[in-house]
Every structure is written in structure tokens, then in C-alpha cells.
N, C-alpha and C. Protein backbone atom coordinates (compact mmCIF):
# COMPACT_ATOMS: atom_id res chain seq x y z
N UNK A 1 -42.35 -23.40 8.02
CA UNK A 1 -41.63 -23.44 7.14
C UNK A 1 -39.97 -24.26 7.48
N UNK A 2 -39.68 -25.00 6.95
CA UNK A 2 -38.26 -25.18 7.78
C UNK A 2 -37.07 -24.55 7.51
N UNK A 3 -36.41 -24.43 8.60
CA UNK A 3 -35.29 -23.48 8.95
C UNK A 3 -34.31 -23.66 7.74
N UNK A 4 -33.85 -24.81 6.48
CA UNK A 4 -33.00 -24.74 6.43
C UNK A 4 -33.44 -23.61 5.08
N UNK A 5 -34.50 -23.47 4.66
CA UNK A 5 -35.63 -23.18 3.54
C UNK A 5 -35.94 -21.65 3.74
N UNK A 6 -36.20 -21.07 4.32
CA UNK A 6 -35.96 -19.90 6.07
C UNK A 6 -34.43 -19.32 5.07
N UNK A 7 -33.95 -20.27 6.33
CA UNK A 7 -32.60 -18.87 5.83
C UNK A 7 -32.32 -18.76 4.13
N UNK A 8 -32.34 -19.88 3.25
CA UNK A 8 -32.26 -19.77 1.95
C UNK A 8 -33.05 -18.93 2.01
N UNK A 9 -34.29 -17.74 1.54
CA UNK A 9 -35.49 -17.45 1.79
C UNK A 9 -34.92 -16.00 1.85
N UNK A 10 -33.67 -15.68 3.37
CA UNK A 10 -33.80 -14.57 4.04
C UNK A 10 -32.34 -14.19 3.03
N UNK A 11 -31.53 -15.56 3.00
CA UNK A 11 -30.17 -14.99 1.94
C UNK A 11 -30.28 -14.86 0.18
N UNK A 12 -31.20 -15.60 0.22
CA UNK A 12 -31.77 -14.45 -1.64
C UNK A 12 -32.36 -13.38 -0.66
N UNK A 13 -32.90 -12.72 -0.59
CA UNK A 13 -33.78 -11.57 -0.50
C UNK A 13 -33.00 -10.58 -0.01
N UNK A 14 -31.13 -10.64 0.45
CA UNK A 14 -30.28 -10.06 0.76
C UNK A 14 -29.42 -9.06 -0.37
N UNK A 15 -29.61 -9.89 -2.11
CA UNK A 15 -29.62 -9.71 -2.85
C UNK A 15 -30.08 -8.84 -3.48
N UNK A 16 -29.21 -6.98 -3.91
CA UNK A 16 -30.44 -6.06 -4.95
C UNK A 16 -31.71 -6.87 -5.65
N UNK A 17 -31.87 -6.08 -5.60
CA UNK A 17 -33.71 -6.15 -6.53
C UNK A 17 -34.12 -7.19 -6.29
N UNK A 18 -34.07 -8.42 -5.53
CA UNK A 18 -34.49 -9.06 -4.96
C UNK A 18 -35.16 -8.79 -3.71
N UNK A 19 -37.03 -9.22 -3.28
CA UNK A 19 -37.89 -8.59 -2.50
C UNK A 19 -37.50 -10.45 -1.99
N UNK A 20 -38.54 -10.95 -0.50
CA UNK A 20 -38.99 -11.68 -0.14
C UNK A 20 -39.38 -13.13 -1.06
N UNK A 21 -40.31 -11.94 -2.15
CA UNK A 21 -41.36 -12.58 -2.76
C UNK A 21 -40.49 -13.78 -3.35
N UNK A 22 -40.01 -12.25 -4.28
CA UNK A 22 -38.49 -13.12 -5.64
C UNK A 22 -38.26 -14.26 -4.85
N UNK A 23 -37.78 -14.22 -3.78
CA UNK A 23 -36.76 -15.04 -2.74
C UNK A 23 -37.80 -16.08 -2.56
N UNK A 24 -38.43 -16.25 -2.60
CA UNK A 24 -39.08 -17.49 -2.27
C UNK A 24 -39.37 -18.21 -3.24
N UNK A 25 -39.89 -18.03 -4.67
CA UNK A 25 -40.07 -18.36 -5.47
C UNK A 25 -38.58 -18.69 -6.52
N UNK A 26 -37.30 -17.88 -6.14
CA UNK A 26 -35.47 -19.00 -6.10
C UNK A 26 -35.83 -20.23 -5.05
N UNK A 27 -36.58 -20.35 -4.18
CA UNK A 27 -35.59 -20.88 -3.52
C UNK A 27 -37.08 -22.31 -3.84
N UNK A 28 -38.17 -21.93 -3.98
CA UNK A 28 -39.03 -23.45 -4.27
C UNK A 28 -37.95 -23.64 -6.02
N UNK A 29 -37.78 -22.87 -6.63
CA UNK A 29 -37.81 -23.72 -8.22
C UNK A 29 -36.54 -24.17 -7.75
N UNK A 30 -35.03 -24.34 -7.02
CA UNK A 30 -34.04 -25.13 -6.47
C UNK A 30 -34.95 -25.98 -5.84
N UNK A 31 -35.03 -25.61 -5.03
CA UNK A 31 -36.03 -27.39 -4.49
C UNK A 31 -36.49 -28.13 -5.32
N UNK A 32 -36.83 -27.68 -7.05
CA UNK A 32 -37.39 -29.06 -7.67
C UNK A 32 -36.21 -28.98 -8.14
N UNK A 33 -34.93 -28.24 -8.23
CA UNK A 33 -33.90 -28.82 -9.31
C UNK A 33 -33.21 -29.74 -8.73
N UNK A 34 -32.24 -30.23 -9.21
CA UNK A 34 -31.48 -32.61 -9.06
C UNK A 34 -30.70 -31.75 -8.20
N UNK A 35 -30.47 -32.11 -7.52
CA UNK A 35 -28.96 -31.80 -6.01
C UNK A 35 -28.08 -31.45 -7.14
N UNK A 36 -28.09 -32.12 -8.15
CA UNK A 36 -26.49 -31.05 -8.89
C UNK A 36 -26.17 -30.31 -9.89
N UNK A 37 -27.69 -30.14 -9.59
CA UNK A 37 -28.14 -28.79 -10.76
C UNK A 37 -28.07 -27.19 -9.92
N UNK A 38 -28.16 -27.41 -8.26
CA UNK A 38 -28.21 -26.86 -6.69
C UNK A 38 -26.89 -26.82 -6.63
N UNK A 39 -26.31 -28.01 -6.60
CA UNK A 39 -24.55 -28.37 -6.12
C UNK A 39 -23.32 -26.89 -7.08
N UNK A 40 -24.26 -27.00 -8.42
CA UNK A 40 -23.55 -26.96 -9.20
C UNK A 40 -23.14 -25.13 -9.06
N UNK A 41 -24.45 -24.38 -8.62
CA UNK A 41 -24.80 -22.75 -8.78
C UNK A 41 -24.14 -22.71 -7.44
N UNK A 42 -24.06 -22.94 -6.07
CA UNK A 42 -23.42 -23.17 -5.21
C UNK A 42 -21.73 -23.60 -5.37
N UNK A 43 -21.68 -24.12 -6.14
CA UNK A 43 -20.31 -24.73 -6.54
C UNK A 43 -19.24 -22.41 -7.81
N UNK A 44 -20.57 -22.38 -8.41
CA UNK A 44 -19.56 -21.53 -9.36
C UNK A 44 -20.39 -19.96 -8.69
N UNK A 45 -21.15 -20.23 -7.48
CA UNK A 45 -21.14 -18.79 -5.89
C UNK A 45 -19.38 -19.04 -5.05
N UNK A 46 -19.67 -20.19 -4.88
CA UNK A 46 -17.75 -20.33 -3.97
C UNK A 46 -16.93 -19.54 -5.05
N UNK A 47 -16.82 -20.19 -6.40
CA UNK A 47 -15.10 -20.25 -7.50
C UNK A 47 -15.30 -18.43 -7.51
N UNK A 48 -16.83 -17.86 -7.96
CA UNK A 48 -16.48 -16.71 -8.07
C UNK A 48 -15.93 -15.75 -6.71
N UNK A 49 -15.57 -16.25 -5.13
CA UNK A 49 -15.62 -15.29 -4.11
C UNK A 49 -14.16 -16.26 -3.86
N UNK A 50 -14.17 -16.81 -4.51
CA UNK A 50 -12.71 -17.54 -4.24
C UNK A 50 -11.07 -17.34 -5.27
N UNK A 51 -11.53 -17.34 -6.93
CA UNK A 51 -11.15 -17.04 -7.24
C UNK A 51 -10.92 -15.51 -8.29
N UNK A 52 -11.78 -14.67 -7.90
CA UNK A 52 -12.16 -13.25 -8.27
C UNK A 52 -11.99 -12.28 -7.63
N UNK A 53 -10.92 -11.67 -7.84
CA UNK A 53 -10.67 -9.71 -7.13
C UNK A 53 -10.56 -8.75 -8.16
N UNK A 54 -10.26 -8.38 -8.08
CA UNK A 54 -10.36 -6.54 -8.73
C UNK A 54 -9.01 -6.27 -9.13
N UNK A 55 -9.15 -5.86 -10.88
CA UNK A 55 -7.76 -5.09 -10.53
C UNK A 55 -7.06 -4.33 -10.10
N UNK A 56 -5.71 -4.76 -9.89
CA UNK A 56 -4.34 -3.81 -9.27
C UNK A 56 -4.82 -2.62 -10.14
N UNK A 57 -4.87 -2.19 -11.66
CA UNK A 57 -4.17 -1.34 -12.71
C UNK A 57 -5.57 -0.14 -12.96
N UNK A 58 -7.43 -1.02 -13.10
CA UNK A 58 -8.33 0.00 -13.38
C UNK A 58 -9.75 -0.47 -12.05
N UNK A 59 -9.44 -1.76 -11.39
CA UNK A 59 -10.37 -2.07 -9.89
C UNK A 59 -11.46 -2.27 -10.61
N UNK A 60 -11.18 -3.31 -11.94
CA UNK A 60 -12.52 -3.97 -12.84
C UNK A 60 -11.62 -5.29 -12.15
N UNK A 61 -12.67 -6.45 -12.65
CA UNK A 61 -13.26 -7.24 -12.06
C UNK A 61 -12.10 -8.88 -12.83
N UNK A 62 -11.18 -9.27 -12.29
CA UNK A 62 -10.32 -10.50 -13.24
C UNK A 62 -9.71 -11.54 -11.91
N UNK A 63 -9.72 -12.37 -12.49
CA UNK A 63 -8.88 -13.76 -11.70
C UNK A 63 -7.61 -13.47 -11.39
N UNK A 64 -6.63 -13.00 -11.29
CA UNK A 64 -5.39 -12.30 -11.03
C UNK A 64 -4.86 -10.99 -11.20
N UNK A 65 -3.70 -10.40 -10.85
CA UNK A 65 -3.37 -9.38 -10.91
C UNK A 65 -4.14 -7.76 -11.30
N UNK A 66 -3.68 -8.78 -13.03
CA UNK A 66 -4.26 -7.14 -13.62
C UNK A 66 -5.28 -8.12 -15.13
N UNK A 67 -6.78 -7.59 -15.22
CA UNK A 67 -7.73 -7.67 -16.03
C UNK A 67 -7.43 -7.89 -17.03
N UNK A 68 -8.11 -8.97 -18.06
CA UNK A 68 -8.42 -8.99 -19.61
C UNK A 68 -8.09 -7.59 -20.46
N UNK A 69 -8.47 -7.25 -20.28
CA UNK A 69 -8.45 -5.17 -20.57
C UNK A 69 -7.33 -4.74 -20.57
N UNK A 70 -7.12 -4.45 -19.61
CA UNK A 70 -5.41 -3.99 -18.56
C UNK A 70 -4.79 -4.59 -19.64
N UNK A 71 -4.16 -6.20 -19.83
CA UNK A 71 -3.24 -6.51 -19.72
C UNK A 71 -3.65 -6.44 -21.96
N UNK A 72 -4.39 -6.35 -22.45
CA UNK A 72 -5.05 -6.25 -23.73
C UNK A 72 -3.50 -4.93 -24.23
N UNK A 73 -2.93 -5.11 -25.15
CA UNK A 73 -1.63 -4.16 -25.71
C UNK A 73 -2.69 -3.48 -26.69
N UNK A 74 -3.67 -3.89 -27.27
CA UNK A 74 -4.48 -3.26 -28.43
C UNK A 74 -5.85 -2.24 -27.93
N UNK A 75 -5.61 -1.82 -26.94
CA UNK A 75 -6.57 -1.24 -26.52
C UNK A 75 -5.43 0.22 -26.20
N UNK A 76 -6.71 1.87 -26.42
CA UNK A 76 -6.01 3.26 -26.51
C UNK A 76 -4.98 3.64 -24.83
N UNK A 77 -4.65 3.51 -24.90
CA UNK A 77 -3.67 4.05 -24.18
C UNK A 77 -3.89 5.74 -23.13
N UNK A 78 -5.05 6.33 -23.96
CA UNK A 78 -4.70 7.67 -24.11
C UNK A 78 -5.69 7.76 -23.32
N UNK A 79 -6.46 7.54 -23.21
CA UNK A 79 -7.66 8.02 -23.22
C UNK A 79 -8.49 6.05 -21.69
N UNK A 80 -8.68 7.09 -20.82
CA UNK A 80 -9.62 6.52 -19.29
C UNK A 80 -11.00 6.91 -18.92
N UNK A 81 -12.14 5.51 -19.67
CA UNK A 81 -13.58 6.06 -19.35
C UNK A 81 -13.42 5.52 -17.06
N UNK A 82 -14.10 6.66 -16.33
CA UNK A 82 -14.43 5.99 -15.97
C UNK A 82 -15.94 5.30 -15.35
N UNK A 83 -16.18 4.41 -14.75
CA UNK A 83 -16.95 3.81 -14.78
C UNK A 83 -17.59 3.58 -12.76
N UNK A 84 -19.23 2.60 -12.17
CA UNK A 84 -19.23 3.75 -11.31
C UNK A 84 -19.05 1.84 -10.34
N UNK A 85 -18.89 0.90 -11.51
CA UNK A 85 -19.41 -0.80 -10.92
C UNK A 85 -18.81 -1.02 -12.34
N UNK A 86 -18.08 -2.40 -11.91
CA UNK A 86 -17.27 -3.01 -12.41
C UNK A 86 -18.06 -3.54 -13.55
N UNK A 87 -19.61 -3.69 -13.57
CA UNK A 87 -20.67 -4.25 -14.45
C UNK A 87 -21.07 -3.33 -15.60
N UNK A 88 -21.06 -1.93 -15.41
CA UNK A 88 -20.79 -0.65 -16.41
C UNK A 88 -19.96 -0.86 -17.31
N UNK A 89 -18.35 -2.01 -16.91
CA UNK A 89 -18.17 -2.05 -18.02
C UNK A 89 -18.25 -3.28 -19.08
N UNK A 90 -19.06 -4.21 -18.85
CA UNK A 90 -19.11 -4.33 -18.94
C UNK A 90 -20.31 -4.13 -20.79
N UNK A 91 -21.02 -3.72 -19.97
CA UNK A 91 -22.50 -2.86 -20.25
C UNK A 91 -21.50 -1.54 -22.25
N UNK A 92 -20.40 -0.83 -21.59
CA UNK A 92 -19.95 -0.35 -22.41
C UNK A 92 -19.03 -1.36 -23.40
N UNK A 93 -18.32 -2.40 -22.92
CA UNK A 93 -17.92 -2.85 -23.90
C UNK A 93 -18.93 -3.99 -24.50
N UNK A 94 -19.81 -4.32 -25.18
CA UNK A 94 -20.47 -4.59 -25.67
C UNK A 94 -21.29 -3.64 -26.82
N UNK A 95 -21.25 -1.93 -26.42
CA UNK A 95 -21.22 -1.07 -27.19
C UNK A 95 -20.41 -1.82 -28.90
N UNK A 96 -19.28 -1.87 -28.99
CA UNK A 96 -17.95 -2.03 -29.66
C UNK A 96 -18.26 -0.27 -29.57
N UNK A 97 -18.36 0.33 -28.78
CA UNK A 97 -17.64 1.78 -29.51
C UNK A 97 -16.55 2.29 -29.23
N UNK A 98 -15.66 1.47 -28.69
CA UNK A 98 -14.98 1.89 -26.19
C UNK A 98 -13.75 0.91 -27.15
N UNK A 99 -12.57 1.30 -27.17
CA UNK A 99 -11.30 0.61 -27.42
C UNK A 99 -10.17 1.13 -26.43
N UNK A 100 -10.66 1.77 -25.26
CA UNK A 100 -9.78 2.53 -23.80
C UNK A 100 -9.68 2.09 -22.98
N UNK A 101 -8.81 2.80 -22.14
CA UNK A 101 -9.12 1.38 -20.64
C UNK A 101 -9.90 2.10 -19.73
N UNK A 102 -9.54 0.93 -18.69
CA UNK A 102 -10.92 1.87 -17.56
C UNK A 102 -10.54 1.80 -16.12
N UNK A 103 -11.18 2.82 -15.46
CA UNK A 103 -11.39 3.43 -14.21
C UNK A 103 -12.56 1.99 -13.71
N UNK A 104 -12.51 2.24 -12.29
CA UNK A 104 -13.62 1.68 -11.10
C UNK A 104 -13.67 2.72 -9.90
N UNK A 105 -14.80 2.61 -10.18
CA UNK A 105 -14.61 4.17 -8.85
C UNK A 105 -15.11 2.84 -7.69
N UNK A 106 -15.86 1.66 -7.87
CA UNK A 106 -16.33 1.03 -6.93
C UNK A 106 -17.22 1.80 -6.10
N UNK A 107 -18.37 2.63 -6.78
CA UNK A 107 -19.22 3.96 -5.95
C UNK A 107 -19.53 5.06 -6.17
N UNK A 108 -20.03 5.31 -6.04
CA UNK A 108 -20.47 7.10 -6.34
C UNK A 108 -20.69 8.11 -5.03
N UNK A 109 -20.18 9.38 -4.80
CA UNK A 109 -20.51 9.71 -4.29
C UNK A 109 -21.89 9.95 -3.77
N UNK A 110 -22.07 9.40 -2.49
CA UNK A 110 -23.94 9.34 -1.70
C UNK A 110 -23.53 10.22 -0.63
N UNK A 111 -22.89 11.82 0.50
CA UNK A 111 -23.49 11.76 0.99
C UNK A 111 -24.42 11.04 2.50
N UNK A 112 -25.20 11.53 2.33
CA UNK A 112 -27.18 11.35 2.96
C UNK A 112 -26.40 9.71 3.03
N UNK A 113 -25.47 8.67 2.41
CA UNK A 113 -25.19 7.75 3.06
C UNK A 113 -23.75 7.33 3.58
N UNK A 114 -22.84 8.94 3.77
CA UNK A 114 -22.40 8.25 4.42
C UNK A 114 -20.59 8.60 3.33
N UNK A 115 -21.07 8.25 1.90
CA UNK A 115 -19.97 7.96 0.75
C UNK A 115 -19.24 8.81 0.57
N UNK A 116 -18.22 9.06 0.44
CA UNK A 116 -17.52 10.02 0.82
C UNK A 116 -16.29 10.03 -0.54
N UNK A 117 -15.45 10.38 -0.92
CA UNK A 117 -14.27 10.66 -1.79
C UNK A 117 -13.45 9.51 -2.20
N UNK A 118 -13.05 9.09 -0.09
CA UNK A 118 -12.34 8.46 0.26
C UNK A 118 -12.83 7.59 0.40
N UNK A 119 -13.76 7.32 -0.13
CA UNK A 119 -14.29 6.12 -0.37
C UNK A 119 -14.60 5.15 -1.46
N UNK A 120 -14.36 6.15 -2.36
CA UNK A 120 -13.98 5.16 -3.45
C UNK A 120 -11.94 5.53 -4.81
N UNK A 121 -11.94 5.30 -5.46
CA UNK A 121 -10.80 4.72 -6.29
C UNK A 121 -9.70 5.91 -6.26
N UNK A 122 -10.48 7.49 -5.84
CA UNK A 122 -9.52 8.90 -7.18
C UNK A 122 -8.56 9.30 -6.65
N UNK A 123 -8.19 9.07 -5.93
CA UNK A 123 -7.13 8.80 -5.74
C UNK A 123 -5.58 7.62 -6.97
N UNK A 124 -6.24 6.28 -7.10
CA UNK A 124 -5.81 6.38 -8.27
C UNK A 124 -6.04 6.74 -9.64
N UNK A 125 -7.53 6.81 -10.48
CA UNK A 125 -7.50 7.54 -10.48
C UNK A 125 -7.03 8.99 -11.07
N UNK A 126 -6.32 9.74 -9.93
CA UNK A 126 -5.49 11.12 -10.30
C UNK A 126 -4.15 10.40 -10.71
N UNK A 127 -3.85 9.69 -9.86
CA UNK A 127 -2.25 8.81 -10.28
C UNK A 127 -2.11 8.66 -11.79
N UNK A 128 -3.04 7.66 -11.99
CA UNK A 128 -3.51 7.00 -13.54
C UNK A 128 -3.05 8.29 -14.76
N UNK A 129 -4.24 9.25 -14.19
CA UNK A 129 -4.42 10.79 -15.24
C UNK A 129 -3.30 11.37 -15.02
N UNK A 130 -2.33 11.60 -14.71
CA UNK A 130 -1.42 11.92 -15.23
C UNK A 130 -0.38 11.36 -15.59
N UNK A 131 0.07 9.47 -16.17
CA UNK A 131 0.50 9.87 -16.27
C UNK A 131 0.42 10.16 -18.36
N UNK A 132 1.72 10.53 -18.36
CA UNK A 132 1.85 11.04 -20.01
C UNK A 132 1.26 10.62 -20.71
N UNK A 133 0.77 9.46 -20.84
CA UNK A 133 -0.02 9.29 -22.30
C UNK A 133 -1.32 9.91 -22.19
N UNK A 134 -1.84 9.51 -21.43
CA UNK A 134 -3.01 10.07 -21.07
C UNK A 134 -3.95 12.10 -21.23
N UNK A 135 -4.56 11.11 -22.37
CA UNK A 135 -4.53 12.78 -22.81
C UNK A 135 -6.05 12.90 -22.63
N UNK A 136 -6.99 11.81 -22.29
CA UNK A 136 -8.70 12.10 -21.56
C UNK A 136 -9.50 11.15 -21.22
N UNK A 137 -10.14 11.67 -20.23
CA UNK A 137 -11.12 10.53 -18.81
C UNK A 137 -12.54 11.13 -19.79
N UNK A 138 -13.44 10.48 -19.63
CA UNK A 138 -14.74 10.32 -20.46
C UNK A 138 -14.62 9.68 -18.95
N UNK A 139 -16.13 10.21 -18.05
CA UNK A 139 -16.79 10.49 -16.88
C UNK A 139 -18.21 9.27 -16.98
N UNK A 140 -17.75 8.05 -16.58
CA UNK A 140 -19.20 7.74 -18.11
C UNK A 140 -19.78 8.07 -16.15
N UNK A 141 -20.71 7.85 -15.01
CA UNK A 141 -21.05 7.46 -13.82
C UNK A 141 -22.49 8.39 -14.71
N UNK A 142 -23.63 7.26 -13.72
CA UNK A 142 -24.79 6.89 -13.96
C UNK A 142 -25.40 8.92 -14.02
N UNK A 143 -26.27 8.62 -15.11
CA UNK A 143 -27.27 10.23 -15.78
C UNK A 143 -27.96 10.16 -13.73
N UNK A 144 -27.80 10.18 -12.84
CA UNK A 144 -28.85 10.79 -11.67
C UNK A 144 -28.23 11.53 -10.74
N UNK A 145 -28.72 11.62 -9.83
CA UNK A 145 -27.83 12.85 -8.79
C UNK A 145 -26.54 12.54 -7.92
N UNK A 146 -26.42 11.05 -7.62
CA UNK A 146 -25.22 10.81 -6.90
C UNK A 146 -23.55 10.93 -8.65
N UNK A 147 -24.75 10.20 -9.47
CA UNK A 147 -23.92 10.61 -10.39
C UNK A 147 -23.18 12.29 -10.86
N UNK A 148 -24.21 12.43 -10.89
CA UNK A 148 -24.45 14.08 -11.64
C UNK A 148 -23.56 14.16 -10.29
N UNK A 149 -23.19 14.28 -9.41
CA UNK A 149 -22.02 14.87 -8.26
C UNK A 149 -21.20 13.88 -8.13
N UNK A 150 -21.18 12.50 -8.17
CA UNK A 150 -19.50 12.04 -8.49
C UNK A 150 -18.63 12.84 -9.70
N UNK A 151 -19.60 13.12 -10.82
CA UNK A 151 -19.26 14.05 -11.90
C UNK A 151 -18.20 15.31 -11.94
N UNK A 152 -18.84 15.98 -11.25
CA UNK A 152 -18.77 17.49 -11.07
C UNK A 152 -17.12 16.72 -10.43
N UNK A 153 -17.39 16.43 -9.01
CA UNK A 153 -15.89 16.32 -8.17
C UNK A 153 -15.28 15.67 -9.07
N UNK A 154 -15.11 14.33 -10.00
CA UNK A 154 -13.99 14.04 -10.53
C UNK A 154 -13.41 15.38 -11.50
N UNK A 155 -14.35 15.98 -12.18
CA UNK A 155 -13.45 17.07 -12.96
C UNK A 155 -13.55 18.10 -12.79
N UNK A 156 -13.71 19.04 -11.08
CA UNK A 156 -12.80 19.23 -10.49
C UNK A 156 -10.86 18.87 -10.39
N UNK A 157 -11.63 17.66 -9.57
CA UNK A 157 -10.45 16.77 -8.97
C UNK A 157 -9.59 16.74 -10.58
N UNK A 158 -9.53 16.09 -11.58
CA UNK A 158 -9.05 16.44 -12.58
C UNK A 158 -8.54 17.61 -13.43
N UNK A 159 -9.36 18.64 -12.86
CA UNK A 159 -8.37 20.09 -13.33
C UNK A 159 -7.21 20.49 -12.84
N UNK A 160 -6.55 20.33 -12.70
CA UNK A 160 -4.77 20.39 -11.91
C UNK A 160 -4.18 19.22 -13.07
N UNK A 161 -4.88 18.48 -12.95
CA UNK A 161 -4.24 17.65 -13.58
C UNK A 161 -3.61 17.50 -15.55
N UNK A 162 -4.78 18.34 -15.85
CA UNK A 162 -4.18 18.89 -17.47
C UNK A 162 -4.63 18.12 -18.40
N UNK A 163 -5.80 17.25 -18.01
CA UNK A 163 -6.49 16.01 -19.77
C UNK A 163 -7.91 17.01 -19.86
N UNK A 164 -7.15 15.82 -20.86
CA UNK A 164 -9.27 16.93 -21.29
C UNK A 164 -10.49 16.60 -20.39
N UNK A 165 -11.15 16.31 -20.20
CA UNK A 165 -12.14 15.59 -19.41
C UNK A 165 -13.64 15.56 -19.80
N UNK A 166 -14.26 14.70 -20.14
CA UNK A 166 -15.53 14.33 -20.80
C UNK A 166 -16.51 13.83 -20.57
N UNK A 167 -17.52 14.34 -20.93
CA UNK A 167 -18.43 13.38 -20.20
C UNK A 167 -19.88 12.54 -21.29
N UNK A 168 -20.11 11.27 -21.25
CA UNK A 168 -21.50 10.81 -22.27
C UNK A 168 -22.46 11.14 -21.99
N UNK A 169 -22.32 11.84 -23.20
CA UNK A 169 -24.08 12.27 -23.64
C UNK A 169 -25.16 12.05 -22.68
N UNK A 170 -25.81 13.07 -23.34
CA UNK A 170 -26.98 12.75 -23.20
C UNK A 170 -28.33 12.48 -23.74
N UNK A 171 -28.82 11.13 -23.35
CA UNK A 171 -29.39 10.37 -23.46
C UNK A 171 -29.33 8.84 -23.04
N UNK A 172 -28.63 9.07 -22.40
CA UNK A 172 -28.78 8.03 -21.31
C UNK A 172 -30.19 8.96 -20.14
N UNK A 173 -31.03 8.19 -20.21
CA UNK A 173 -32.13 8.95 -19.17
C UNK A 173 -31.71 8.86 -18.41
N UNK A 174 -32.26 9.91 -16.47
CA UNK A 174 -31.92 10.96 -16.15
C UNK A 174 -33.15 9.45 -15.28
N UNK A 175 -31.76 8.88 -14.31
CA UNK A 175 -32.65 8.17 -12.52
C UNK A 175 -31.83 7.32 -13.55
N UNK A 176 -30.77 6.46 -15.41
CA UNK A 176 -30.75 4.92 -15.34
C UNK A 176 -29.06 4.73 -15.07
N UNK A 177 -29.18 3.25 -15.11
CA UNK A 177 -28.58 2.69 -15.11
C UNK A 177 -27.25 2.21 -16.22
N UNK A 178 -26.43 2.59 -16.74
CA UNK A 178 -25.67 1.91 -16.96
C UNK A 178 -26.33 0.33 -17.61
N UNK A 179 -25.38 -0.44 -15.96
CA UNK A 179 -26.20 -2.09 -15.63
C UNK A 179 -27.86 -2.21 -17.75
N UNK A 180 -28.56 -1.66 -17.46
CA UNK A 180 -29.95 -1.63 -17.78
C UNK A 180 -30.03 -1.13 -18.48
N UNK A 181 -29.15 -0.59 -19.83
CA UNK A 181 -28.96 -0.29 -21.09
C UNK A 181 -29.20 -1.27 -22.67
N UNK A 182 -29.44 -0.19 -23.54
CA UNK A 182 -28.95 -1.74 -24.18
C UNK A 182 -27.70 -1.25 -25.09
N UNK A 183 -27.06 -1.43 -26.04
CA UNK A 183 -26.03 -1.21 -26.59
C UNK A 183 -25.96 -0.20 -27.50
N UNK A 184 -26.84 0.26 -28.19
CA UNK A 184 -26.85 1.39 -29.68
C UNK A 184 -27.59 2.68 -28.72
N UNK A 185 -27.74 2.75 -27.27
CA UNK A 185 -27.96 3.63 -26.20
C UNK A 185 -26.44 3.83 -25.99
N UNK A 186 -25.86 3.36 -25.41
CA UNK A 186 -24.81 3.73 -24.97
C UNK A 186 -23.59 3.45 -26.20
N UNK A 187 -23.44 3.35 -27.06
CA UNK A 187 -22.60 3.30 -28.20
C UNK A 187 -22.73 4.78 -28.33
N UNK A 188 -24.22 5.34 -28.43
CA UNK A 188 -24.41 6.31 -29.36
C UNK A 188 -24.11 7.51 -28.36
N UNK A 189 -23.83 7.46 -26.60
CA UNK A 189 -23.90 7.88 -25.48
C UNK A 189 -22.37 7.65 -25.84
N UNK A 190 -21.41 7.06 -26.64
CA UNK A 190 -19.86 7.58 -26.32
C UNK A 190 -19.56 8.37 -27.32
N UNK A 191 -20.19 8.03 -28.49
CA UNK A 191 -19.89 8.81 -29.53
C UNK A 191 -20.11 9.82 -30.14
N UNK A 192 -21.51 10.95 -29.20
CA UNK A 192 -21.45 12.44 -28.53
C UNK A 192 -21.11 12.75 -27.17
N UNK A 193 -20.02 12.15 -26.75
CA UNK A 193 -19.38 12.51 -25.82
C UNK A 193 -18.88 14.13 -25.58
N UNK A 194 -19.48 14.94 -24.53
CA UNK A 194 -18.47 16.05 -24.99
C UNK A 194 -17.92 16.71 -23.26
N UNK A 195 -17.01 17.46 -24.19
CA UNK A 195 -16.16 17.68 -22.98
C UNK A 195 -16.95 19.05 -21.58
N UNK A 196 -16.55 18.90 -20.47
CA UNK A 196 -16.45 19.70 -19.53
C UNK A 196 -16.31 20.66 -18.90
């Protein structure tokens, strides 16, 4: 195979959920497309890398210092929903059941992978939770072993702060990921959250 084709397959195969077979299919699909289509894709990737940063307040994706949610004065400052990744915010927002603020951890505790609390944005969360207006922190980590361990750690860390700490209700399948859930399931989980 041509070096350029092989290189594209290798790069695409590095993406999560994309194996070598899928990377090959994508590469050959792109080869059939016009140059304009391929260049539009590459330009979109460049723009994302050049323009997108993480919000200095919550860690969500943004095109400036603060994301659209943090800039929105209509959001409820009394509630912070803690998620593992920015993509989780998109899922919760689609449910239409939550109007508070967010905090993105940018990962989850995973001792086997060498990910401890210092690798996450826990200090920023604790600082935000200490603000007078914050009354509740909702832990919306994924319902798997690492997500549960992260939620337990955060619950303990938030204990001295004195805010109400809740967890998304069950109904989200164990081992599932927020990114792949439908709006109704996420909405029900938010509505039936419980205190830890």
C-alpha cells in the first residue's frame, strides 16, 4: 500500500473506537471523495485544534476563556454537575432537565492506569463548591468501577465543604457511558438523583 495511505490508516486507528479495519474503510472512503471534501475535513480538524480551549471556570470546551454555559446568566449558580468529560455535558444538555452549572474532571480515578486525584480538576471543584451560592454538587460520573470510585472520592472530599452532594439515580446501566445514553434516560436519572 502507498505510504500516504498507510500513514492515514495508522493515524485514524489511533482514534478511540476505531480499529485498523474501520480506519481502512474510512481511508478508502476519503480517497473516493473530492479534494474539497477531504480538505474541508482537514480544515475542520485544524480549526478545532487552533480555536478550541478548555473553559477556565468549568473545563468545558470553549472558543474563549469561558464557555457558553458559564457565560449564560440564566443558569442556576446554586448547582454544579460534575462530569468526567466535556462530551458528557452535551448528553445532559440534550435531556433538557438541567439548568445549573458544570465542572469537568477531564478523566476519572484509575489507579491501575496511574490516574490519581492530582490528574483531575478536583481542586478547582472544591474551590467552586466553597462559593456561597453553591448549594448542591451533583456527581454525574459514569456508573462503572472507576466512575463509582471517583464519585466516592469526591463525596469524601466535598464533605468538609458543607454542600449537599447527590449522585445521578440508577437507571443508567452499570458499565455504561453517558456519551451513549438517550435523552430520556439521562433526564430521568437527573430527576431522580439521590443524596450520598
